[in-house]
Amino acid sequence: MLWSLRITRLRDHNAIGFVALFIALLYAISDEVHQAFVPGRECDPFDFIADLTGAVIGILLAVKIATLIRKEKVLP
């Protein structure tokens, strides 16, 4: 998701990271709400936290890699 957001007008990796985190937050919320209506499934706050934790770790790694690549002048 983070890499796909590079095509937007946002050029700051941190800003793109925040947008990606916001999208991940919305997805995690919608996933848990959806599971509340599926028989045999339940809305679990720990699953929501796990989703967000994974998103934060992925975004931090991607932003760090993009910053390192940019310092090497490989990306515009």
PDB file of N, CA and C in Angstrom:
ATOM      1  N   MET A   1       0.832  -1.178   0.000  1.00  0.00           N
ATOM      2  CA  MET A   1       0.000   0.000   0.000  1.00  0.00           C
ATOM      3  C   MET A   1       0.882   1.249   0.000  1.00  0.00           C
ATOM      4  N   LEU A   2       1.922   1.210   0.795  1.00  0.00           N
ATOM      5  CA  LEU A   2       2.792   2.384   0.891  1.00  0.00           C
ATOM      6  C   LEU A   2       3.402   2.721  -0.460  1.00  0.00           C
ATOM      7  N   TRP A   3       3.856   1.697  -1.184  1.00  0.00           N
ATOM      8  CA  TRP A   3       4.483   1.948  -2.483  1.00  0.00           C
ATOM      9  C   TRP A   3       3.461   2.453  -3.493  1.00  0.00           C
ATOM     10  N   SER A   4       2.243   1.960  -3.430  1.00  0.00           N
ATOM     11  CA  SER A   4       1.229   2.429  -4.371  1.00  0.00           C
ATOM     12  C   SER A   4       0.866   3.883  -4.114  1.00  0.00           C
ATOM     13  N   LEU A   5       1.013   4.355  -2.894  1.00  0.00           N
ATOM     14  CA  LEU A   5       0.715   5.752  -2.591  1.00  0.00           C
ATOM     15  C   LEU A   5       1.772   6.714  -3.130  1.00  0.00           C
ATOM     16  N   ARG A   6       2.908   6.199  -3.577  1.00  0.00           N
ATOM     17  CA  ARG A   6       3.947   7.065  -4.128  1.00  0.00           C
ATOM     18  C   ARG A   6       3.493   7.786  -5.382  1.00  0.00           C
ATOM     19  N   ILE A   7       2.475   7.245  -6.082  1.00  0.00           N
ATOM     20  CA  ILE A   7       2.029   7.880  -7.317  1.00  0.00           C
ATOM     21  C   ILE A   7       1.150   9.093  -7.044  1.00  0.00           C
ATOM     22  N   THR A   8       0.795   9.323  -5.791  1.00  0.00           N
ATOM     23  CA  THR A   8      -0.010  10.490  -5.448  1.00  0.00           C
ATOM     24  C   THR A   8       0.865  11.731  -5.465  1.00  0.00           C
ATOM     25  N   ARG A   9       0.270  12.857  -5.157  1.00  0.00           N
ATOM     26  CA  ARG A   9       1.025  14.108  -5.116  1.00  0.00           C
ATOM     27  C   ARG A   9       1.897  14.221  -3.866  1.00  0.00           C
ATOM     28  N   LEU A  10       1.711  13.310  -2.916  1.00  0.00           N
ATOM     29  CA  LEU A  10       2.528  13.336  -1.708  1.00  0.00           C
ATOM     30  C   LEU A  10       3.936  12.861  -2.052  1.00  0.00           C
ATOM     31  N   ARG A  11       4.921  13.605  -1.683  1.00  0.00           N
ATOM     32  CA  ARG A  11       6.310  13.221  -1.951  1.00  0.00           C
ATOM     33  C   ARG A  11       7.080  12.935  -0.675  1.00  0.00           C
ATOM     34  N   ASP A  12       6.566  13.382   0.443  1.00  0.00           N
ATOM     35  CA  ASP A  12       7.226  13.153   1.723  1.00  0.00           C
ATOM     36  C   ASP A  12       6.896  11.739   2.193  1.00  0.00           C
ATOM     37  N   HIS A  13       7.928  10.939   2.438  1.00  0.00           N
ATOM     38  CA  HIS A  13       7.708   9.549   2.858  1.00  0.00           C
ATOM     39  C   HIS A  13       6.927   9.469   4.168  1.00  0.00           C
ATOM     40  N   ASN A  14       7.144  10.405   5.069  1.00  0.00           N
ATOM     41  CA  ASN A  14       6.407  10.383   6.332  1.00  0.00           C
ATOM     42  C   ASN A  14       4.924  10.647   6.117  1.00  0.00           C
ATOM     43  N   ALA A  15       4.607  11.588   5.238  1.00  0.00           N
ATOM     44  CA  ALA A  15       3.199  11.878   4.947  1.00  0.00           C
ATOM     45  C   ALA A  15       2.533  10.675   4.301  1.00  0.00           C
ATOM     46  N   ILE A  16       3.227  10.039   3.375  1.00  0.00           N
ATOM     47  CA  ILE A  16       2.695   8.842   2.738  1.00  0.00           C
ATOM     48  C   ILE A  16       2.487   7.744   3.784  1.00  0.00           C
ATOM     49  N   GLY A  17       3.412   7.641   4.730  1.00  0.00           N
ATOM     50  CA  GLY A  17       3.284   6.653   5.800  1.00  0.00           C
ATOM     51  C   GLY A  17       2.051   6.890   6.652  1.00  0.00           C
ATOM     52  N   PHE A  18       1.771   8.150   6.959  1.00  0.00           N
ATOM     53  CA  PHE A  18       0.578   8.457   7.757  1.00  0.00           C
ATOM     54  C   PHE A  18      -0.702   8.136   6.992  1.00  0.00           C
ATOM     55  N   VAL A  19      -0.723   8.412   5.693  1.00  0.00           N
ATOM     56  CA  VAL A  19      -1.892   8.075   4.880  1.00  0.00           C
ATOM     57  C   VAL A  19      -2.075   6.556   4.847  1.00  0.00           C
ATOM     58  N   ALA A  20      -0.984   5.824   4.660  1.00  0.00           N
ATOM     59  CA  ALA A  20      -1.058   4.365   4.649  1.00  0.00           C
ATOM     60  C   ALA A  20      -1.550   3.841   6.000  1.00  0.00           C
ATOM     61  N   LEU A  21      -1.093   4.439   7.088  1.00  0.00           N
ATOM     62  CA  LEU A  21      -1.537   4.013   8.417  1.00  0.00           C
ATOM     63  C   LEU A  21      -3.025   4.294   8.609  1.00  0.00           C
ATOM     64  N   PHE A  22      -3.495   5.426   8.124  1.00  0.00           N
ATOM     65  CA  PHE A  22      -4.910   5.764   8.231  1.00  0.00           C
ATOM     66  C   PHE A  22      -5.762   4.763   7.442  1.00  0.00           C
ATOM     67  N   ILE A  23      -5.311   4.391   6.251  1.00  0.00           N
ATOM     68  CA  ILE A  23      -6.028   3.403   5.446  1.00  0.00           C
ATOM     69  C   ILE A  23      -6.036   2.049   6.157  1.00  0.00           C
ATOM     70  N   ALA A  24      -4.897   1.659   6.742  1.00  0.00           N
ATOM     71  CA  ALA A  24      -4.828   0.398   7.485  1.00  0.00           C
ATOM     72  C   ALA A  24      -5.753   0.423   8.697  1.00  0.00           C
ATOM     73  N   LEU A  25      -5.836   1.572   9.359  1.00  0.00           N
ATOM     74  CA  LEU A  25      -6.740   1.726  10.502  1.00  0.00           C
ATOM     75  C   LEU A  25      -8.186   1.534  10.068  1.00  0.00           C
ATOM     76  N   LEU A  26      -8.580   2.170   8.977  1.00  0.00           N
ATOM     77  CA  LEU A  26      -9.937   2.018   8.470  1.00  0.00           C
ATOM     78  C   LEU A  26     -10.226   0.568   8.085  1.00  0.00           C
ATOM     79  N   TYR A  27      -9.257  -0.085   7.472  1.00  0.00           N
ATOM     80  CA  TYR A  27      -9.443  -1.481   7.084  1.00  0.00           C
ATOM     81  C   TYR A  27      -9.590  -2.378   8.310  1.00  0.00           C
ATOM     82  N   ALA A  28      -8.759  -2.163   9.325  1.00  0.00           N
ATOM     83  CA  ALA A  28      -8.827  -2.983  10.541  1.00  0.00           C
ATOM     84  C   ALA A  28     -10.180  -2.810  11.233  1.00  0.00           C
ATOM     85  N   ILE A  29     -10.674  -1.582  11.280  1.00  0.00           N
ATOM     86  CA  ILE A  29     -11.987  -1.331  11.883  1.00  0.00           C
ATOM     87  C   ILE A  29     -13.075  -2.033  11.079  1.00  0.00           C
ATOM     88  N   SER A  30     -13.056  -1.871   9.760  1.00  0.00           N
ATOM     89  CA  SER A  30     -14.097  -2.485   8.933  1.00  0.00           C
ATOM     90  C   SER A  30     -14.034  -4.007   9.002  1.00  0.00           C
ATOM     91  N   ASP A  31     -12.847  -4.570   9.103  1.00  0.00           N
ATOM     92  CA  ASP A  31     -12.697  -6.026   9.222  1.00  0.00           C
ATOM     93  C   ASP A  31     -13.324  -6.536  10.513  1.00  0.00           C
ATOM     94  N   GLU A  32     -13.075  -5.841  11.612  1.00  0.00           N
ATOM     95  CA  GLU A  32     -13.640  -6.272  12.891  1.00  0.00           C
ATOM     96  C   GLU A  32     -15.158  -6.095  12.928  1.00  0.00           C
ATOM     97  N   VAL A  33     -15.663  -5.023  12.350  1.00  0.00           N
ATOM     98  CA  VAL A  33     -17.116  -4.827  12.289  1.00  0.00           C
ATOM     99  C   VAL A  33     -17.742  -5.931  11.432  1.00  0.00           C
ATOM    100  N   HIS A  34     -17.108  -6.245  10.314  1.00  0.00           N
ATOM    101  CA  HIS A  34     -17.606  -7.315   9.442  1.00  0.00           C
ATOM    102  C   HIS A  34     -17.641  -8.647  10.183  1.00  0.00           C
ATOM    103  N   GLN A  35     -16.589  -8.955  10.926  1.00  0.00           N
ATOM    104  CA  GLN A  35     -16.530 -10.225  11.649  1.00  0.00           C
ATOM    105  C   GLN A  35     -17.603 -10.322  12.720  1.00  0.00           C
ATOM    106  N   ALA A  36     -18.066  -9.210  13.245  1.00  0.00           N
ATOM    107  CA  ALA A  36     -19.116  -9.229  14.259  1.00  0.00           C
ATOM    108  C   ALA A  36     -20.426  -9.769  13.688  1.00  0.00           C
ATOM    109  N   PHE A  37     -20.597  -9.674  12.377  1.00  0.00           N
ATOM    110  CA  PHE A  37     -21.836 -10.128  11.743  1.00  0.00           C
ATOM    111  C   PHE A  37     -21.715 -11.495  11.082  1.00  0.00           C
ATOM    112  N   VAL A  38     -20.539 -12.100  11.123  1.00  0.00           N
ATOM    113  CA  VAL A  38     -20.335 -13.412  10.502  1.00  0.00           C
ATOM    114  C   VAL A  38     -20.525 -14.492  11.569  1.00  0.00           C
ATOM    115  N   PRO A  39     -21.417 -15.467  11.309  1.00  0.00           N
ATOM    116  CA  PRO A  39     -21.617 -16.540  12.289  1.00  0.00           C
ATOM    117  C   PRO A  39     -20.316 -17.314  12.545  1.00  0.00           C
ATOM    118  N   GLY A  40     -20.035 -17.570  13.802  1.00  0.00           N
ATOM    119  CA  GLY A  40     -18.823 -18.287  14.179  1.00  0.00           C
ATOM    120  C   GLY A  40     -17.596 -17.404  14.339  1.00  0.00           C
ATOM    121  N   ARG A  41     -17.724 -16.134  14.040  1.00  0.00           N
ATOM    122  CA  ARG A  41     -16.615 -15.193  14.192  1.00  0.00           C
ATOM    123  C   ARG A  41     -17.009 -14.154  15.219  1.00  0.00           C
ATOM    124  N   GLU A  42     -16.046 -13.452  15.751  1.00  0.00           N
ATOM    125  CA  GLU A  42     -16.344 -12.398  16.720  1.00  0.00           C
ATOM    126  C   GLU A  42     -15.423 -11.218  16.517  1.00  0.00           C
ATOM    127  N   CYS A  43     -15.850 -10.088  16.996  1.00  0.00           N
ATOM    128  CA  CYS A  43     -15.061  -8.866  16.951  1.00  0.00           C
ATOM    129  C   CYS A  43     -14.059  -8.921  18.103  1.00  0.00           C
ATOM    130  N   ASP A  44     -12.780  -9.015  17.780  1.00  0.00           N
ATOM    131  CA  ASP A  44     -11.745  -9.192  18.793  1.00  0.00           C
ATOM    132  C   ASP A  44     -10.805  -7.986  18.800  1.00  0.00           C
ATOM    133  N   PRO A  45     -10.737  -7.263  19.919  1.00  0.00           N
ATOM    134  CA  PRO A  45      -9.846  -6.097  19.966  1.00  0.00           C
ATOM    135  C   PRO A  45      -8.370  -6.462  19.792  1.00  0.00           C
ATOM    136  N   PHE A  46      -7.984  -7.669  20.197  1.00  0.00           N
ATOM    137  CA  PHE A  46      -6.583  -8.078  20.033  1.00  0.00           C
ATOM    138  C   PHE A  46      -6.247  -8.287  18.551  1.00  0.00           C
ATOM    139  N   ASP A  47      -7.223  -8.732  17.770  1.00  0.00           N
ATOM    140  CA  ASP A  47      -7.017  -8.862  16.330  1.00  0.00           C
ATOM    141  C   ASP A  47      -6.839  -7.484  15.698  1.00  0.00           C
ATOM    142  N   PHE A  48      -7.615  -6.511  16.150  1.00  0.00           N
ATOM    143  CA  PHE A  48      -7.484  -5.129  15.686  1.00  0.00           C
ATOM    144  C   PHE A  48      -6.088  -4.597  16.003  1.00  0.00           C
ATOM    145  N   ILE A  49      -5.616  -4.839  17.224  1.00  0.00           N
ATOM    146  CA  ILE A  49      -4.281  -4.392  17.638  1.00  0.00           C
ATOM    147  C   ILE A  49      -3.207  -5.087  16.807  1.00  0.00           C
ATOM    148  N   ALA A  50      -3.392  -6.379  16.535  1.00  0.00           N
ATOM    149  CA  ALA A  50      -2.425  -7.115  15.710  1.00  0.00           C
ATOM    150  C   ALA A  50      -2.378  -6.553  14.292  1.00  0.00           C
ATOM    151  N   ASP A  51      -3.545  -6.228  13.738  1.00  0.00           N
ATOM    152  CA  ASP A  51      -3.582  -5.624  12.397  1.00  0.00           C
ATOM    153  C   ASP A  51      -2.819  -4.308  12.366  1.00  0.00           C
ATOM    154  N   LEU A  52      -3.075  -3.458  13.349  1.00  0.00           N
ATOM    155  CA  LEU A  52      -2.401  -2.158  13.388  1.00  0.00           C
ATOM    156  C   LEU A  52      -0.906  -2.292  13.652  1.00  0.00           C
ATOM    157  N   THR A  53      -0.529  -3.217  14.513  1.00  0.00           N
ATOM    158  CA  THR A  53       0.890  -3.435  14.800  1.00  0.00           C
ATOM    159  C   THR A  53       1.636  -3.867  13.539  1.00  0.00           C
ATOM    160  N   GLY A  54       1.046  -4.790  12.796  1.00  0.00           N
ATOM    161  CA  GLY A  54       1.656  -5.219  11.540  1.00  0.00           C
ATOM    162  C   GLY A  54       1.768  -4.086  10.545  1.00  0.00           C
ATOM    163  N   ALA A  55       0.735  -3.255  10.464  1.00  0.00           N
ATOM    164  CA  ALA A  55       0.764  -2.107   9.553  1.00  0.00           C
ATOM    165  C   ALA A  55       1.852  -1.121   9.959  1.00  0.00           C
ATOM    166  N   VAL A  56       1.958  -0.832  11.238  1.00  0.00           N
ATOM    167  CA  VAL A  56       2.974   0.124  11.717  1.00  0.00           C
ATOM    168  C   VAL A  56       4.376  -0.399  11.425  1.00  0.00           C
ATOM    169  N   ILE A  57       4.623  -1.672  11.704  1.00  0.00           N
ATOM    170  CA  ILE A  57       5.952  -2.251  11.451  1.00  0.00           C
ATOM    171  C   ILE A  57       6.272  -2.210   9.961  1.00  0.00           C
ATOM    172  N   GLY A  58       5.311  -2.598   9.127  1.00  0.00           N
ATOM    173  CA  GLY A  58       5.528  -2.577   7.681  1.00  0.00           C
ATOM    174  C   GLY A  58       5.773  -1.177   7.154  1.00  0.00           C
ATOM    175  N   ILE A  59       5.006  -0.217   7.636  1.00  0.00           N
ATOM    176  CA  ILE A  59       5.161   1.166   7.184  1.00  0.00           C
ATOM    177  C   ILE A  59       6.504   1.732   7.625  1.00  0.00           C
ATOM    178  N   LEU A  60       6.884   1.489   8.875  1.00  0.00           N
ATOM    179  CA  LEU A  60       8.182   1.980   9.354  1.00  0.00           C
ATOM    180  C   LEU A  60       9.333   1.404   8.540  1.00  0.00           C
ATOM    181  N   LEU A  61       9.269   0.109   8.248  1.00  0.00           N
ATOM    182  CA  LEU A  61      10.324  -0.515   7.440  1.00  0.00           C
ATOM    183  C   LEU A  61      10.348   0.067   6.027  1.00  0.00           C
ATOM    184  N   ALA A  62       9.175   0.233   5.428  1.00  0.00           N
ATOM    185  CA  ALA A  62       9.114   0.761   4.065  1.00  0.00           C
ATOM    186  C   ALA A  62       9.611   2.203   4.006  1.00  0.00           C
ATOM    187  N   VAL A  63       9.247   3.023   4.972  1.00  0.00           N
ATOM    188  CA  VAL A  63       9.708   4.414   5.001  1.00  0.00           C
ATOM    189  C   VAL A  63      11.222   4.457   5.193  1.00  0.00           C
ATOM    190  N   LYS A  64      11.754   3.619   6.057  1.00  0.00           N
ATOM    191  CA  LYS A  64      13.202   3.578   6.285  1.00  0.00           C
ATOM    192  C   LYS A  64      13.945   3.145   5.019  1.00  0.00           C
ATOM    193  N   ILE A  65      13.422   2.113   4.352  1.00  0.00           N
ATOM    194  CA  ILE A  65      14.056   1.648   3.116  1.00  0.00           C
ATOM    195  C   ILE A  65      13.981   2.726   2.039  1.00  0.00           C
ATOM    196  N   ALA A  66      12.819   3.368   1.904  1.00  0.00           N
ATOM    197  CA  ALA A  66      12.674   4.431   0.899  1.00  0.00           C
ATOM    198  C   ALA A  66      13.611   5.594   1.185  1.00  0.00           C
ATOM    199  N   THR A  67      13.783   5.926   2.454  1.00  0.00           N
ATOM    200  CA  THR A  67      14.696   7.012   2.826  1.00  0.00           C
ATOM    201  C   THR A  67      16.136   6.640   2.488  1.00  0.00           C
ATOM    202  N   LEU A  68      16.520   5.411   2.769  1.00  0.00           N
ATOM    203  CA  LEU A  68      17.881   4.970   2.440  1.00  0.00           C
ATOM    204  C   LEU A  68      18.111   4.958   0.937  1.00  0.00           C
ATOM    205  N   ILE A  69      17.121   4.500   0.196  1.00  0.00           N
ATOM    206  CA  ILE A  69      17.255   4.471  -1.260  1.00  0.00           C
ATOM    207  C   ILE A  69      17.339   5.889  -1.811  1.00  0.00           C
ATOM    208  N   ARG A  70      16.527   6.778  -1.275  1.00  0.00           N
ATOM    209  CA  ARG A  70      16.549   8.170  -1.745  1.00  0.00           C
ATOM    210  C   ARG A  70      17.911   8.808  -1.471  1.00  0.00           C
ATOM    211  N   LYS A  71      18.523   8.479  -0.332  1.00  0.00           N
ATOM    212  CA  LYS A  71      19.849   9.029  -0.022  1.00  0.00           C
ATOM    213  C   LYS A  71      20.889   8.532  -1.016  1.00  0.00           C
ATOM    214  N   GLU A  72      20.648   7.350  -1.583  1.00  0.00           N
ATOM    215  CA  GLU A  72      21.574   6.809  -2.584  1.00  0.00           C
ATOM    216  C   GLU A  72      21.271   7.345  -3.976  1.00  0.00           C
ATOM    217  N   LYS A  73      20.250   8.212  -4.080  1.00  0.00           N
ATOM    218  CA  LYS A  73      19.866   8.865  -5.332  1.00  0.00           C
ATOM    219  C   LYS A  73      19.322   7.880  -6.365  1.00  0.00           C
ATOM    220  N   VAL A  74      18.774   6.751  -5.893  1.00  0.00           N
ATOM    221  CA  VAL A  74      18.197   5.785  -6.823  1.00  0.00           C
ATOM    222  C   VAL A  74      16.779   6.200  -7.177  1.00  0.00           C
ATOM    223  N   LEU A  75      16.043   6.738  -6.201  1.00  0.00           N
ATOM    224  CA  LEU A  75      14.675   7.200  -6.446  1.00  0.00           C
ATOM    225  C   LEU A  75      14.677   8.724  -6.571  1.00  0.00           C
ATOM    226  N   PRO A  76      13.719   9.240  -7.349  1.00  0.00           N
ATOM    227  CA  PRO A  76      13.629  10.709  -7.467  1.00  0.00           C
ATOM    228  C   PRO A  76      13.128  11.344  -6.203  1.00  0.00           C
TER     229      PRO A  76
END
